[in-house]
Amino acid sequence: MATPYSRTKALVQTKELLVHLADPKTDGIAEELRSRAQALLLAFPTLAEIEALHRASPELLGPAPPFSRLSGSGDVLGVIDATR
């Protein structure tokens, strides 16, 4: 069974993977895969939305990581680890 921590980490890492696959600067990605990643990112929750989901359903996702405090640092997994 997944823990709230592992669910959040998987969401964030999946978003990071999609961003990497969708980036035109990433070499060796087939155009079909790049297009699919870009399409999925259009509907993928933002960090603010993931934070809101935590507040709405703490029994499933645990306490809300303070993503809003990142200030552009990009250390999303560090924030998640700090709330563990």
C-alpha atoms as a PDB file:
ATOM      1  CA  MET A   1       0.000   0.000   0.000  1.00  0.00           C
ATOM      2  CA  ALA A   2       1.305   3.441  -0.911  1.00  0.00           C
ATOM      3  CA  THR A   3       1.953   5.923   1.856  1.00  0.00           C
ATOM      4  CA  PRO A   4       0.833   9.555   1.631  1.00  0.00           C
ATOM      5  CA  TYR A   5       4.508  10.501   1.231  1.00  0.00           C
ATOM      6  CA  SER A   6       5.057   8.095  -1.674  1.00  0.00           C
ATOM      7  CA  ARG A   7       1.852   9.251  -3.421  1.00  0.00           C
ATOM      8  CA  THR A   8       2.977  12.869  -3.314  1.00  0.00           C
ATOM      9  CA  LYS A   9       6.499  12.011  -4.408  1.00  0.00           C
ATOM     10  CA  ALA A  10       5.124   9.977  -7.334  1.00  0.00           C
ATOM     11  CA  LEU A  11       2.898  12.869  -8.441  1.00  0.00           C
ATOM     12  CA  VAL A  12       5.784  15.337  -8.379  1.00  0.00           C
ATOM     13  CA  GLN A  13       8.247  12.965 -10.050  1.00  0.00           C
ATOM     14  CA  THR A  14       5.714  12.123 -12.770  1.00  0.00           C
ATOM     15  CA  LYS A  15       5.241  15.824 -13.483  1.00  0.00           C
ATOM     16  CA  GLU A  16       9.039  16.279 -13.649  1.00  0.00           C
ATOM     17  CA  LEU A  17       9.308  13.342 -16.069  1.00  0.00           C
ATOM     18  CA  LEU A  18       6.574  14.744 -18.319  1.00  0.00           C
ATOM     19  CA  VAL A  19       8.270  18.160 -18.346  1.00  0.00           C
ATOM     20  CA  HIS A  20      11.565  16.490 -19.305  1.00  0.00           C
ATOM     21  CA  LEU A  21       9.949  14.443 -22.094  1.00  0.00           C
ATOM     22  CA  ALA A  22       8.043  17.464 -23.429  1.00  0.00           C
ATOM     23  CA  ASP A  23      11.111  19.717 -23.533  1.00  0.00           C
ATOM     24  CA  PRO A  24      12.317  20.191 -27.124  1.00  0.00           C
ATOM     25  CA  LYS A  25      15.884  20.476 -25.782  1.00  0.00           C
ATOM     26  CA  THR A  26      15.774  16.871 -24.552  1.00  0.00           C
ATOM     27  CA  ASP A  27      17.515  14.773 -27.197  1.00  0.00           C
ATOM     28  CA  GLY A  28      16.401  11.332 -28.329  1.00  0.00           C
ATOM     29  CA  ILE A  29      12.675  11.689 -27.634  1.00  0.00           C
ATOM     30  CA  ALA A  30      10.339  10.523 -30.390  1.00  0.00           C
ATOM     31  CA  GLU A  31       7.989  13.283 -31.523  1.00  0.00           C
ATOM     32  CA  GLU A  32       4.915  11.166 -30.722  1.00  0.00           C
ATOM     33  CA  LEU A  33       6.093  10.697 -27.124  1.00  0.00           C
ATOM     34  CA  ARG A  34       6.972  14.393 -26.804  1.00  0.00           C
ATOM     35  CA  SER A  35       3.489  15.344 -28.056  1.00  0.00           C
ATOM     36  CA  ARG A  36       1.805  12.945 -25.635  1.00  0.00           C
ATOM     37  CA  ALA A  37       3.824  14.353 -22.722  1.00  0.00           C
ATOM     38  CA  GLN A  38       2.874  17.911 -23.722  1.00  0.00           C
ATOM     39  CA  ALA A  39      -0.816  16.936 -23.922  1.00  0.00           C
ATOM     40  CA  LEU A  40      -0.725  15.271 -20.500  1.00  0.00           C
ATOM     41  CA  LEU A  41       0.926  18.310 -18.940  1.00  0.00           C
ATOM     42  CA  LEU A  42      -2.022  20.468 -19.996  1.00  0.00           C
ATOM     43  CA  ALA A  43      -4.247  18.593 -17.521  1.00  0.00           C
ATOM     44  CA  PHE A  44      -1.625  17.645 -14.912  1.00  0.00           C
ATOM     45  CA  PRO A  45      -2.071  19.393 -11.548  1.00  0.00           C
ATOM     46  CA  THR A  46       0.223  22.269 -10.698  1.00  0.00           C
ATOM     47  CA  LEU A  47       2.151  22.305  -7.410  1.00  0.00           C
ATOM     48  CA  ALA A  48      -0.459  24.716  -6.014  1.00  0.00           C
ATOM     49  CA  GLU A  49      -3.222  22.288  -6.993  1.00  0.00           C
ATOM     50  CA  ILE A  50      -1.357  19.360  -5.422  1.00  0.00           C
ATOM     51  CA  GLU A  51      -0.996  21.425  -2.247  1.00  0.00           C
ATOM     52  CA  ALA A  52      -4.758  22.148  -2.325  1.00  0.00           C
ATOM     53  CA  LEU A  53      -5.492  18.446  -2.802  1.00  0.00           C
ATOM     54  CA  HIS A  54      -3.485  17.738   0.362  1.00  0.00           C
ATOM     55  CA  ARG A  55      -5.563  20.221   2.323  1.00  0.00           C
ATOM     56  CA  ALA A  56      -8.810  18.771   0.930  1.00  0.00           C
ATOM     57  CA  SER A  57      -7.869  15.107   1.496  1.00  0.00           C
ATOM     58  CA  PRO A  58      -5.191  14.784   4.183  1.00  0.00           C
ATOM     59  CA  GLU A  59      -6.322  11.218   4.941  1.00  0.00           C
ATOM     60  CA  LEU A  60      -5.176  10.180   1.451  1.00  0.00           C
ATOM     61  CA  LEU A  61      -2.204  12.464   0.864  1.00  0.00           C
ATOM     62  CA  GLY A  62      -1.065  13.442   4.351  1.00  0.00           C
ATOM     63  CA  PRO A  63      -0.204  16.969   5.470  1.00  0.00           C
ATOM     64  CA  ALA A  64       0.246  19.570   2.765  1.00  0.00           C
ATOM     65  CA  PRO A  65       3.866  20.194   1.788  1.00  0.00           C
ATOM     66  CA  PRO A  66       4.440  23.968   1.699  1.00  0.00           C
ATOM     67  CA  PHE A  67       5.050  24.141  -2.062  1.00  0.00           C
ATOM     68  CA  SER A  68       4.118  27.821  -1.995  1.00  0.00           C
ATOM     69  CA  ARG A  69       7.311  28.478   0.009  1.00  0.00           C
ATOM     70  CA  LEU A  70       9.608  27.202  -2.738  1.00  0.00           C
ATOM     71  CA  SER A  71      10.201  30.689  -4.151  1.00  0.00           C
ATOM     72  CA  GLY A  72      11.510  29.257  -7.398  1.00  0.00           C
ATOM     73  CA  SER A  73      14.159  27.083  -5.749  1.00  0.00           C
ATOM     74  CA  GLY A  74      12.911  23.984  -7.569  1.00  0.00           C
ATOM     75  CA  ASP A  75      13.650  21.744  -4.572  1.00  0.00           C
ATOM     76  CA  VAL A  76      10.205  20.160  -4.606  1.00  0.00           C
ATOM     77  CA  LEU A  77      11.382  16.785  -3.342  1.00  0.00           C
ATOM     78  CA  GLY A  78      13.276  18.525  -0.532  1.00  0.00           C
ATOM     79  CA  VAL A  79      10.028  20.170   0.549  1.00  0.00           C
ATOM     80  CA  ILE A  80       8.223  16.830   0.447  1.00  0.00           C
ATOM     81  CA  ASP A  81      11.023  15.142   2.420  1.00  0.00           C
ATOM     82  CA  ALA A  82      10.888  17.912   5.057  1.00  0.00           C
ATOM     83  CA  THR A  83       7.210  17.158   5.749  1.00  0.00           C
ATOM     84  CA  ARG A  84       7.785  13.439   6.101  1.00  0.00           C
END
